[in-house]
Amino acid sequence: FFSCNEKEEFVSESLSDYMPLAVGKYITYRIDSLVFPNFGRATEVHKYQVKHQIEALTNDNLGNPMYKVYRYLRDSAGTQPWAAAGSYFITPLDDQVETAEDNLRVIKLHLPLRDGYTWKGNRYLPTDPLGPIYNFSNDDNMADWDFTYDGNASSFSYGGNNYSNVFTVEQVDESF
């Protein structure tokens, strides 16, 4: 009896190919939010522009490079000046990219980059991470939520711009 002991090794692109980070880089986009004031008795649409700008490169407590990102907001038409609206950190590691905001750390991307790959992106979150901020409780454990790549790298077009090698990350607890 003969058997083959060869193993095929999956080689993935670097995460930095999909999230190029550098001080001074920024992204600006428009957001439309549906808000339910008065305990859902009314609806409002809030529109504004958001800018995320990498302001500094530093190190985390383990010596890993960490980028500080500032968030800015202004009106949807872009006629008002930018107003500061918080900050967060991005830490690129060898096999994953983490973000941390308000001491809540999430794994946004993880190797290998391939269709169907799943990881626990919220694994570092406490049991009730939004409890101190909002007066409600999530009835399940967010740390168990699955993040999944939905499809392989593909092309995407929006606003007359074409983007290649785009991955979609689904962040779902449950779906029906």
N, C-alpha and C. Protein backbone atom coordinates (compact mmCIF):
# COMPACT_ATOMS: atom_id res chain seq x y z
N PHE A 1 0.83 -1.18 0.00
CA PHE A 1 0.00 0.00 0.00
C PHE A 1 0.88 1.24 0.00
N PHE A 2 0.54 2.13 -0.88
CA PHE A 2 1.26 3.37 -0.98
C PHE A 2 0.31 4.53 -0.74
N SER A 3 0.78 5.54 -0.11
CA SER A 3 -0.04 6.74 0.08
C SER A 3 0.81 7.97 -0.16
N CYS A 4 0.15 9.02 -0.45
CA CYS A 4 0.84 10.27 -0.73
C CYS A 4 0.82 11.13 0.53
N ASN A 5 1.97 11.60 0.93
CA ASN A 5 2.06 12.45 2.11
C ASN A 5 2.24 13.92 1.75
N GLU A 6 2.09 14.24 0.48
CA GLU A 6 2.22 15.63 0.07
C GLU A 6 1.05 16.44 0.58
N LYS A 7 1.36 17.63 1.05
CA LYS A 7 0.33 18.55 1.50
C LYS A 7 0.41 19.80 0.65
N GLU A 8 -0.74 20.26 0.20
CA GLU A 8 -0.78 21.49 -0.56
C GLU A 8 -0.90 22.65 0.41
N GLU A 9 0.02 23.59 0.31
CA GLU A 9 0.01 24.74 1.21
C GLU A 9 -0.70 25.90 0.53
N PHE A 10 -1.68 26.47 1.24
CA PHE A 10 -2.41 27.61 0.71
C PHE A 10 -1.60 28.87 0.97
N VAL A 11 -1.31 29.61 -0.09
CA VAL A 11 -0.56 30.86 0.03
C VAL A 11 -1.53 32.02 -0.17
N SER A 12 -1.53 32.94 0.77
CA SER A 12 -2.44 34.07 0.73
C SER A 12 -1.64 35.36 0.56
N GLU A 13 -2.28 36.35 -0.03
CA GLU A 13 -1.67 37.67 -0.11
C GLU A 13 -1.49 38.24 1.29
N SER A 14 -0.67 39.24 1.39
CA SER A 14 -0.46 39.92 2.65
C SER A 14 -1.67 40.81 2.95
N LEU A 15 -2.02 40.93 4.21
CA LEU A 15 -3.13 41.81 4.59
C LEU A 15 -2.83 43.27 4.27
N SER A 16 -1.55 43.63 4.24
CA SER A 16 -1.20 45.02 3.92
C SER A 16 -1.54 45.36 2.47
N ASP A 17 -1.70 44.34 1.61
CA ASP A 17 -2.13 44.58 0.23
C ASP A 17 -3.58 45.09 0.20
N TYR A 18 -4.37 44.74 1.22
CA TYR A 18 -5.78 45.10 1.25
C TYR A 18 -6.05 46.25 2.20
N MET A 19 -5.09 46.59 3.04
CA MET A 19 -5.26 47.70 3.97
C MET A 19 -3.94 48.45 4.05
N PRO A 20 -3.61 49.21 2.98
CA PRO A 20 -2.35 49.95 3.00
C PRO A 20 -2.43 51.13 3.97
N LEU A 21 -1.61 51.08 5.00
CA LEU A 21 -1.65 52.09 6.05
C LEU A 21 -0.41 52.98 5.97
N ALA A 22 -0.61 54.28 6.09
CA ALA A 22 0.49 55.24 6.12
C ALA A 22 -0.03 56.54 6.73
N VAL A 23 0.82 57.18 7.51
CA VAL A 23 0.46 58.46 8.12
C VAL A 23 0.12 59.45 7.01
N GLY A 24 -0.99 60.16 7.18
CA GLY A 24 -1.46 61.14 6.20
C GLY A 24 -2.54 60.61 5.28
N LYS A 25 -2.67 59.27 5.15
CA LYS A 25 -3.73 58.72 4.30
C LYS A 25 -5.09 58.96 4.95
N TYR A 26 -6.10 59.11 4.13
CA TYR A 26 -7.45 59.30 4.66
C TYR A 26 -8.47 58.77 3.68
N ILE A 27 -9.67 58.56 4.19
CA ILE A 27 -10.80 58.18 3.36
C ILE A 27 -11.98 59.04 3.80
N THR A 28 -12.74 59.52 2.82
CA THR A 28 -13.92 60.34 3.09
C THR A 28 -15.12 59.68 2.43
N TYR A 29 -16.23 59.61 3.13
CA TYR A 29 -17.45 59.05 2.57
C TYR A 29 -18.67 59.69 3.20
N ARG A 30 -19.81 59.47 2.59
CA ARG A 30 -21.07 60.04 3.06
C ARG A 30 -21.90 58.94 3.72
N ILE A 31 -22.55 59.30 4.81
CA ILE A 31 -23.38 58.34 5.55
C ILE A 31 -24.80 58.86 5.65
N ASP A 32 -25.74 57.98 5.43
CA ASP A 32 -27.15 58.24 5.70
C ASP A 32 -27.57 57.27 6.80
N SER A 33 -27.98 57.78 7.95
CA SER A 33 -28.38 56.94 9.08
C SER A 33 -29.86 57.08 9.34
N LEU A 34 -30.54 55.97 9.48
CA LEU A 34 -31.94 55.94 9.85
C LEU A 34 -32.00 55.85 11.37
N VAL A 35 -32.60 56.85 12.01
CA VAL A 35 -32.66 56.95 13.47
C VAL A 35 -34.11 56.85 13.92
N PHE A 36 -34.33 56.18 15.05
CA PHE A 36 -35.68 55.98 15.58
C PHE A 36 -35.83 56.68 16.93
N PRO A 37 -36.10 58.00 16.94
CA PRO A 37 -36.27 58.71 18.22
C PRO A 37 -37.63 58.36 18.85
N ASN A 38 -37.81 58.79 20.07
CA ASN A 38 -39.06 58.55 20.81
C ASN A 38 -39.43 57.08 20.84
N PHE A 39 -38.45 56.22 21.11
CA PHE A 39 -38.67 54.79 21.24
C PHE A 39 -39.34 54.18 20.02
N GLY A 40 -38.93 54.62 18.82
CA GLY A 40 -39.42 54.03 17.59
C GLY A 40 -40.73 54.61 17.08
N ARG A 41 -41.23 55.66 17.71
CA ARG A 41 -42.51 56.24 17.29
C ARG A 41 -42.36 57.16 16.09
N ALA A 42 -41.12 57.49 15.74
CA ALA A 42 -40.84 58.35 14.60
C ALA A 42 -39.53 57.88 13.96
N THR A 43 -39.29 58.32 12.74
CA THR A 43 -38.02 58.03 12.09
C THR A 43 -37.42 59.32 11.55
N GLU A 44 -36.12 59.38 11.55
CA GLU A 44 -35.39 60.52 10.99
C GLU A 44 -34.22 59.97 10.18
N VAL A 45 -33.83 60.70 9.15
CA VAL A 45 -32.64 60.36 8.40
C VAL A 45 -31.59 61.42 8.66
N HIS A 46 -30.45 61.02 9.18
CA HIS A 46 -29.34 61.93 9.42
C HIS A 46 -28.31 61.70 8.32
N LYS A 47 -27.86 62.77 7.67
CA LYS A 47 -26.90 62.68 6.58
C LYS A 47 -25.68 63.52 6.93
N TYR A 48 -24.51 62.96 6.70
CA TYR A 48 -23.29 63.69 6.95
C TYR A 48 -22.12 63.03 6.23
N GLN A 49 -20.98 63.73 6.20
CA GLN A 49 -19.74 63.19 5.66
C GLN A 49 -18.84 62.78 6.82
N VAL A 50 -18.08 61.72 6.60
CA VAL A 50 -17.14 61.22 7.60
C VAL A 50 -15.76 61.14 6.95
N LYS A 51 -14.75 61.52 7.71
CA LYS A 51 -13.37 61.35 7.24
C LYS A 51 -12.59 60.63 8.33
N HIS A 52 -11.87 59.57 7.94
CA HIS A 52 -10.96 58.85 8.82
C HIS A 52 -9.56 59.15 8.31
N GLN A 53 -8.72 59.76 9.16
CA GLN A 53 -7.38 60.13 8.73
C GLN A 53 -6.34 59.55 9.69
N ILE A 54 -5.33 58.88 9.11
CA ILE A 54 -4.24 58.33 9.91
C ILE A 54 -3.32 59.48 10.29
N GLU A 55 -3.22 59.73 11.59
CA GLU A 55 -2.47 60.88 12.09
C GLU A 55 -1.09 60.53 12.63
N ALA A 56 -0.92 59.30 13.13
CA ALA A 56 0.36 58.98 13.77
C ALA A 56 0.62 57.48 13.74
N LEU A 57 1.90 57.14 13.75
CA LEU A 57 2.35 55.75 13.88
C LEU A 57 3.09 55.65 15.20
N THR A 58 2.68 54.69 16.02
CA THR A 58 3.30 54.47 17.31
C THR A 58 3.41 52.97 17.52
N ASN A 59 3.66 52.52 18.73
CA ASN A 59 3.71 51.09 19.05
C ASN A 59 2.73 50.78 20.16
N ASP A 60 2.16 49.56 20.11
CA ASP A 60 1.30 49.13 21.21
C ASP A 60 2.18 48.62 22.35
N ASN A 61 1.55 48.10 23.41
CA ASN A 61 2.32 47.67 24.59
C ASN A 61 3.17 46.43 24.33
N LEU A 62 2.96 45.75 23.18
CA LEU A 62 3.80 44.60 22.81
C LEU A 62 4.87 44.98 21.79
N GLY A 63 4.93 46.26 21.42
CA GLY A 63 5.92 46.71 20.46
C GLY A 63 5.49 46.62 19.00
N ASN A 64 4.23 46.23 18.75
CA ASN A 64 3.71 46.16 17.38
C ASN A 64 3.39 47.55 16.86
N PRO A 65 3.60 47.79 15.55
CA PRO A 65 3.22 49.09 15.00
C PRO A 65 1.71 49.30 15.12
N MET A 66 1.31 50.51 15.47
CA MET A 66 -0.10 50.82 15.68
C MET A 66 -0.35 52.22 15.13
N TYR A 67 -1.40 52.34 14.31
CA TYR A 67 -1.74 53.62 13.69
C TYR A 67 -2.90 54.27 14.44
N LYS A 68 -2.74 55.56 14.76
CA LYS A 68 -3.83 56.30 15.40
C LYS A 68 -4.63 57.00 14.31
N VAL A 69 -5.94 56.74 14.28
CA VAL A 69 -6.83 57.28 13.26
C VAL A 69 -7.82 58.23 13.94
N TYR A 70 -7.93 59.44 13.39
CA TYR A 70 -8.91 60.41 13.89
C TYR A 70 -10.11 60.42 12.95
N ARG A 71 -11.28 60.52 13.55
CA ARG A 71 -12.54 60.59 12.80
C ARG A 71 -13.05 62.02 12.86
N TYR A 72 -13.51 62.52 11.70
CA TYR A 72 -14.06 63.86 11.60
C TYR A 72 -15.42 63.79 10.92
N LEU A 73 -16.32 64.71 11.29
CA LEU A 73 -17.66 64.78 10.69
C LEU A 73 -17.92 66.19 10.18
N ARG A 74 -18.78 66.28 9.16
CA ARG A 74 -19.30 67.56 8.69
C ARG A 74 -20.62 67.29 7.96
N ASP A 75 -21.30 68.37 7.56
CA ASP A 75 -22.60 68.23 6.90
C ASP A 75 -22.45 67.48 5.58
N SER A 76 -23.55 66.92 5.09
CA SER A 76 -23.50 66.05 3.90
C SER A 76 -23.09 66.80 2.64
N ALA A 77 -23.32 68.12 2.57
CA ALA A 77 -22.94 68.89 1.39
C ALA A 77 -21.48 69.31 1.42
N GLY A 78 -20.83 69.15 2.56
CA GLY A 78 -19.43 69.52 2.68
C GLY A 78 -19.18 71.01 2.78
N THR A 79 -20.17 71.76 3.25
CA THR A 79 -20.02 73.22 3.34
C THR A 79 -19.46 73.68 4.68
N GLN A 80 -19.55 72.85 5.70
CA GLN A 80 -19.05 73.21 7.03
C GLN A 80 -17.65 72.63 7.24
N PRO A 81 -16.90 73.18 8.19
CA PRO A 81 -15.56 72.63 8.47
C PRO A 81 -15.69 71.27 9.17
N TRP A 82 -14.62 70.50 9.10
CA TRP A 82 -14.58 69.20 9.77
C TRP A 82 -14.55 69.41 11.28
N ALA A 83 -15.30 68.57 12.01
CA ALA A 83 -15.30 68.60 13.48
C ALA A 83 -14.82 67.25 13.99
N ALA A 84 -13.94 67.27 14.98
CA ALA A 84 -13.42 66.03 15.55
C ALA A 84 -14.56 65.19 16.12
N ALA A 85 -14.49 63.87 15.88
CA ALA A 85 -15.54 62.96 16.36
C ALA A 85 -14.96 61.65 16.86
N GLY A 86 -13.82 61.72 17.54
CA GLY A 86 -13.25 60.53 18.14
C GLY A 86 -12.04 59.99 17.40
N SER A 87 -11.48 58.94 17.95
CA SER A 87 -10.31 58.31 17.36
C SER A 87 -10.32 56.83 17.68
N TYR A 88 -9.48 56.09 16.97
CA TYR A 88 -9.31 54.66 17.22
C TYR A 88 -7.94 54.25 16.72
N PHE A 89 -7.57 53.00 16.97
CA PHE A 89 -6.27 52.48 16.58
C PHE A 89 -6.42 51.30 15.64
N ILE A 90 -5.47 51.17 14.70
CA ILE A 90 -5.40 50.01 13.82
C ILE A 90 -4.04 49.37 14.04
N THR A 91 -4.04 48.08 14.36
CA THR A 91 -2.80 47.34 14.58
C THR A 91 -2.71 46.20 13.57
N PRO A 92 -1.83 46.34 12.57
CA PRO A 92 -1.63 45.25 11.61
C PRO A 92 -0.64 44.23 12.17
N LEU A 93 -1.05 42.97 12.24
CA LEU A 93 -0.19 41.88 12.70
C LEU A 93 0.10 40.95 11.51
N ASP A 94 0.89 39.93 11.72
CA ASP A 94 1.25 39.03 10.62
C ASP A 94 0.04 38.34 10.00
N ASP A 95 -0.92 37.92 10.85
CA ASP A 95 -2.05 37.14 10.33
C ASP A 95 -3.42 37.80 10.53
N GLN A 96 -3.45 39.00 11.09
CA GLN A 96 -4.73 39.68 11.30
C GLN A 96 -4.53 41.18 11.44
N VAL A 97 -5.64 41.93 11.25
CA VAL A 97 -5.64 43.37 11.47
C VAL A 97 -6.68 43.65 12.55
N GLU A 98 -6.23 44.32 13.62
CA GLU A 98 -7.11 44.63 14.74
C GLU A 98 -7.40 46.13 14.80
N THR A 99 -8.60 46.48 15.23
CA THR A 99 -8.92 47.86 15.55
C THR A 99 -9.32 47.92 17.02
N ALA A 100 -9.05 49.05 17.65
CA ALA A 100 -9.43 49.24 19.05
C ALA A 100 -10.01 50.64 19.21
N GLU A 101 -11.24 50.69 19.72
CA GLU A 101 -11.91 51.95 19.98
C GLU A 101 -12.62 51.84 21.32
N ASP A 102 -12.44 52.84 22.17
CA ASP A 102 -13.01 52.83 23.52
C ASP A 102 -12.63 51.54 24.28
N ASN A 103 -11.39 51.11 24.11
CA ASN A 103 -10.87 49.89 24.74
C ASN A 103 -11.60 48.63 24.30
N LEU A 104 -12.24 48.64 23.14
CA LEU A 104 -12.90 47.47 22.58
C LEU A 104 -12.13 47.04 21.34
N ARG A 105 -11.52 45.86 21.38
CA ARG A 105 -10.65 45.38 20.30
C ARG A 105 -11.39 44.37 19.44
N VAL A 106 -11.32 44.56 18.10
CA VAL A 106 -12.00 43.69 17.13
C VAL A 106 -11.00 43.29 16.05
N ILE A 107 -11.07 42.04 15.61
CA ILE A 107 -10.22 41.55 14.52
C ILE A 107 -11.01 41.74 13.23
N LYS A 108 -10.64 42.73 12.43
CA LYS A 108 -11.39 43.08 11.21
C LYS A 108 -11.05 42.19 10.02
N LEU A 109 -9.78 41.83 9.86
CA LEU A 109 -9.33 40.97 8.77
C LEU A 109 -8.45 39.87 9.36
N HIS A 110 -8.47 38.70 8.71
CA HIS A 110 -7.67 37.58 9.20
C HIS A 110 -7.24 36.73 8.02
N LEU A 111 -6.03 36.20 8.10
CA LEU A 111 -5.56 35.27 7.07
C LEU A 111 -6.07 33.87 7.38
N PRO A 112 -6.29 33.06 6.37
CA PRO A 112 -6.06 33.28 4.95
C PRO A 112 -7.24 34.01 4.29
N LEU A 113 -6.92 34.77 3.26
CA LEU A 113 -7.94 35.47 2.48
C LEU A 113 -8.52 34.50 1.47
N ARG A 114 -9.63 33.86 1.82
CA ARG A 114 -10.28 32.94 0.89
C ARG A 114 -11.76 32.81 1.24
N ASP A 115 -12.55 32.52 0.23
CA ASP A 115 -14.00 32.40 0.38
C ASP A 115 -14.36 31.41 1.48
N GLY A 116 -15.24 31.85 2.38
CA GLY A 116 -15.75 30.98 3.43
C GLY A 116 -14.90 30.91 4.69
N TYR A 117 -13.72 31.50 4.70
CA TYR A 117 -12.90 31.46 5.90
C TYR A 117 -13.59 32.24 7.01
N THR A 118 -13.65 31.67 8.21
CA THR A 118 -14.39 32.24 9.34
C THR A 118 -13.46 32.40 10.54
N TRP A 119 -13.64 33.50 11.29
CA TRP A 119 -12.91 33.71 12.53
C TRP A 119 -13.82 34.44 13.51
N LYS A 120 -13.47 34.39 14.78
CA LYS A 120 -14.22 35.07 15.84
C LYS A 120 -13.66 36.49 15.99
N GLY A 121 -14.19 37.41 15.20
CA GLY A 121 -13.68 38.77 15.16
C GLY A 121 -13.88 39.54 16.45
N ASN A 122 -14.89 39.18 17.22
CA ASN A 122 -15.19 39.89 18.48
C ASN A 122 -14.65 39.14 19.69
N ARG A 123 -13.74 38.21 19.51
CA ARG A 123 -13.31 37.33 20.60
C ARG A 123 -12.71 38.08 21.79
N TYR A 124 -12.22 39.30 21.60
CA TYR A 124 -11.63 40.06 22.70
C TYR A 124 -12.65 40.93 23.43
N LEU A 125 -13.89 40.96 22.97
CA LEU A 125 -14.90 41.81 23.61
C LEU A 125 -15.39 41.18 24.91
N PRO A 126 -15.71 42.01 25.90
CA PRO A 126 -16.31 41.49 27.13
C PRO A 126 -17.74 41.05 26.88
N THR A 127 -18.37 40.46 27.88
CA THR A 127 -19.72 39.91 27.74
C THR A 127 -20.74 40.96 27.32
N ASP A 128 -20.72 42.13 27.92
CA ASP A 128 -21.67 43.19 27.58
C ASP A 128 -20.89 44.46 27.22
N PRO A 129 -20.25 44.48 26.03
CA PRO A 129 -19.32 45.57 25.71
C PRO A 129 -19.95 46.94 25.60
N LEU A 130 -21.23 47.03 25.23
CA LEU A 130 -21.86 48.34 25.06
C LEU A 130 -22.71 48.74 26.26
N GLY A 131 -22.74 47.91 27.29
CA GLY A 131 -23.51 48.20 28.49
C GLY A 131 -23.20 49.53 29.15
N PRO A 132 -21.91 49.89 29.30
CA PRO A 132 -21.61 51.18 29.93
C PRO A 132 -22.03 52.40 29.09
N ILE A 133 -22.21 52.21 27.78
CA ILE A 133 -22.54 53.33 26.90
C ILE A 133 -24.04 53.46 26.69
N TYR A 134 -24.72 52.31 26.50
CA TYR A 134 -26.15 52.32 26.18
C TYR A 134 -26.94 51.57 27.25
N ASN A 135 -28.16 51.99 27.44
CA ASN A 135 -29.01 51.42 28.47
C ASN A 135 -29.81 50.23 27.91
N PHE A 136 -29.10 49.24 27.42
CA PHE A 136 -29.73 48.00 26.98
C PHE A 136 -28.70 46.90 27.05
N SER A 137 -29.16 45.68 26.96
CA SER A 137 -28.25 44.55 27.02
C SER A 137 -28.46 43.67 25.79
N ASN A 138 -27.39 43.21 25.21
CA ASN A 138 -27.46 42.26 24.11
C ASN A 138 -27.72 40.89 24.74
N ASP A 139 -28.65 40.13 24.20
CA ASP A 139 -29.03 38.88 24.84
C ASP A 139 -28.18 37.69 24.43
N ASP A 140 -27.07 37.91 23.76
CA ASP A 140 -26.15 36.81 23.50
C ASP A 140 -24.73 37.33 23.58
N ASN A 141 -23.78 36.45 23.42
CA ASN A 141 -22.38 36.79 23.59
C ASN A 141 -21.77 37.21 22.26
N MET A 142 -21.45 38.49 22.11
CA MET A 142 -20.88 39.00 20.86
C MET A 142 -19.54 38.35 20.54
N ALA A 143 -18.82 37.86 21.53
CA ALA A 143 -17.53 37.22 21.30
C ALA A 143 -17.67 35.95 20.46
N ASP A 144 -18.85 35.39 20.38
CA ASP A 144 -19.09 34.18 19.59
C ASP A 144 -19.51 34.46 18.15
N TRP A 145 -19.65 35.71 17.79
CA TRP A 145 -20.09 36.04 16.43
C TRP A 145 -19.02 35.64 15.42
N ASP A 146 -19.46 35.12 14.28
CA ASP A 146 -18.56 34.71 13.22
C ASP A 146 -18.37 35.83 12.20
N PHE A 147 -17.13 36.09 11.82
CA PHE A 147 -16.78 36.96 10.71
C PHE A 147 -16.37 36.02 9.58
N THR A 148 -16.86 36.26 8.36
CA THR A 148 -16.62 35.35 7.25
C THR A 148 -16.34 36.12 5.97
N TYR A 149 -15.37 35.63 5.18
CA TYR A 149 -15.17 36.18 3.84
C TYR A 149 -16.24 35.62 2.94
N ASP A 150 -17.01 36.50 2.31
CA ASP A 150 -18.10 36.11 1.42
C ASP A 150 -17.63 36.26 -0.02
N GLY A 151 -17.10 35.20 -0.60
CA GLY A 151 -16.60 35.22 -1.97
C GLY A 151 -15.10 35.43 -2.00
N ASN A 152 -14.54 35.28 -3.19
CA ASN A 152 -13.13 35.53 -3.40
C ASN A 152 -12.94 36.98 -3.83
N ALA A 153 -11.69 37.39 -3.95
CA ALA A 153 -11.40 38.76 -4.39
C ALA A 153 -12.08 39.02 -5.73
N SER A 154 -12.78 40.13 -5.82
CA SER A 154 -13.51 40.46 -7.05
C SER A 154 -13.39 41.95 -7.30
N SER A 155 -14.01 42.39 -8.38
CA SER A 155 -14.02 43.82 -8.73
C SER A 155 -15.30 44.45 -8.21
N PHE A 156 -15.23 45.76 -7.98
CA PHE A 156 -16.36 46.50 -7.44
C PHE A 156 -16.31 47.90 -8.04
N SER A 157 -17.46 48.41 -8.46
CA SER A 157 -17.53 49.76 -9.02
C SER A 157 -18.52 50.59 -8.23
N TYR A 158 -18.12 51.83 -7.94
CA TYR A 158 -19.02 52.75 -7.25
C TYR A 158 -18.60 54.17 -7.59
N GLY A 159 -19.58 54.98 -7.91
CA GLY A 159 -19.34 56.39 -8.18
C GLY A 159 -18.34 56.64 -9.30
N GLY A 160 -18.34 55.77 -10.28
CA GLY A 160 -17.43 55.93 -11.40
C GLY A 160 -16.02 55.45 -11.13
N ASN A 161 -15.77 54.90 -9.95
CA ASN A 161 -14.46 54.36 -9.61
C ASN A 161 -14.51 52.84 -9.62
N ASN A 162 -13.49 52.22 -10.17
CA ASN A 162 -13.39 50.76 -10.19
C ASN A 162 -12.34 50.32 -9.18
N TYR A 163 -12.69 49.31 -8.40
CA TYR A 163 -11.79 48.76 -7.40
C TYR A 163 -11.60 47.28 -7.70
N SER A 164 -10.35 46.82 -7.66
CA SER A 164 -10.09 45.41 -7.91
C SER A 164 -9.63 44.73 -6.63
N ASN A 165 -9.71 43.41 -6.61
CA ASN A 165 -9.28 42.62 -5.45
C ASN A 165 -9.99 43.03 -4.16
N VAL A 166 -11.32 43.11 -4.22
CA VAL A 166 -12.13 43.51 -3.08
C VAL A 166 -12.69 42.25 -2.40
N PHE A 167 -12.55 42.19 -1.08
CA PHE A 167 -13.14 41.12 -0.29
C PHE A 167 -14.31 41.69 0.52
N THR A 168 -15.35 40.89 0.70
CA THR A 168 -16.48 41.27 1.55
C THR A 168 -16.39 40.47 2.84
N VAL A 169 -16.45 41.16 3.97
CA VAL A 169 -16.45 40.52 5.27
C VAL A 169 -17.84 40.62 5.85
N GLU A 170 -18.46 39.48 6.10
CA GLU A 170 -19.76 39.43 6.76
C GLU A 170 -19.52 39.29 8.26
N GLN A 171 -20.20 40.13 9.05
CA GLN A 171 -20.08 40.08 10.50
C GLN A 171 -21.46 39.78 11.05
N VAL A 172 -21.78 38.51 11.18
CA VAL A 172 -23.14 38.12 11.51
C VAL A 172 -23.17 37.26 12.74
N ASP A 173 -24.11 37.56 13.63
CA ASP A 173 -24.38 36.68 14.75
C ASP A 173 -25.34 35.61 14.27
N GLU A 174 -26.51 36.03 13.85
CA GLU A 174 -27.53 35.11 13.37
C GLU A 174 -28.16 35.70 12.12
N SER A 175 -28.65 34.85 11.24
CA SER A 175 -29.38 35.34 10.09
C SER A 175 -30.54 34.39 9.84
N PHE A 176 -31.64 34.95 9.41
CA PHE A 176 -32.84 34.17 9.16
C PHE A 176 -33.30 34.42 7.74
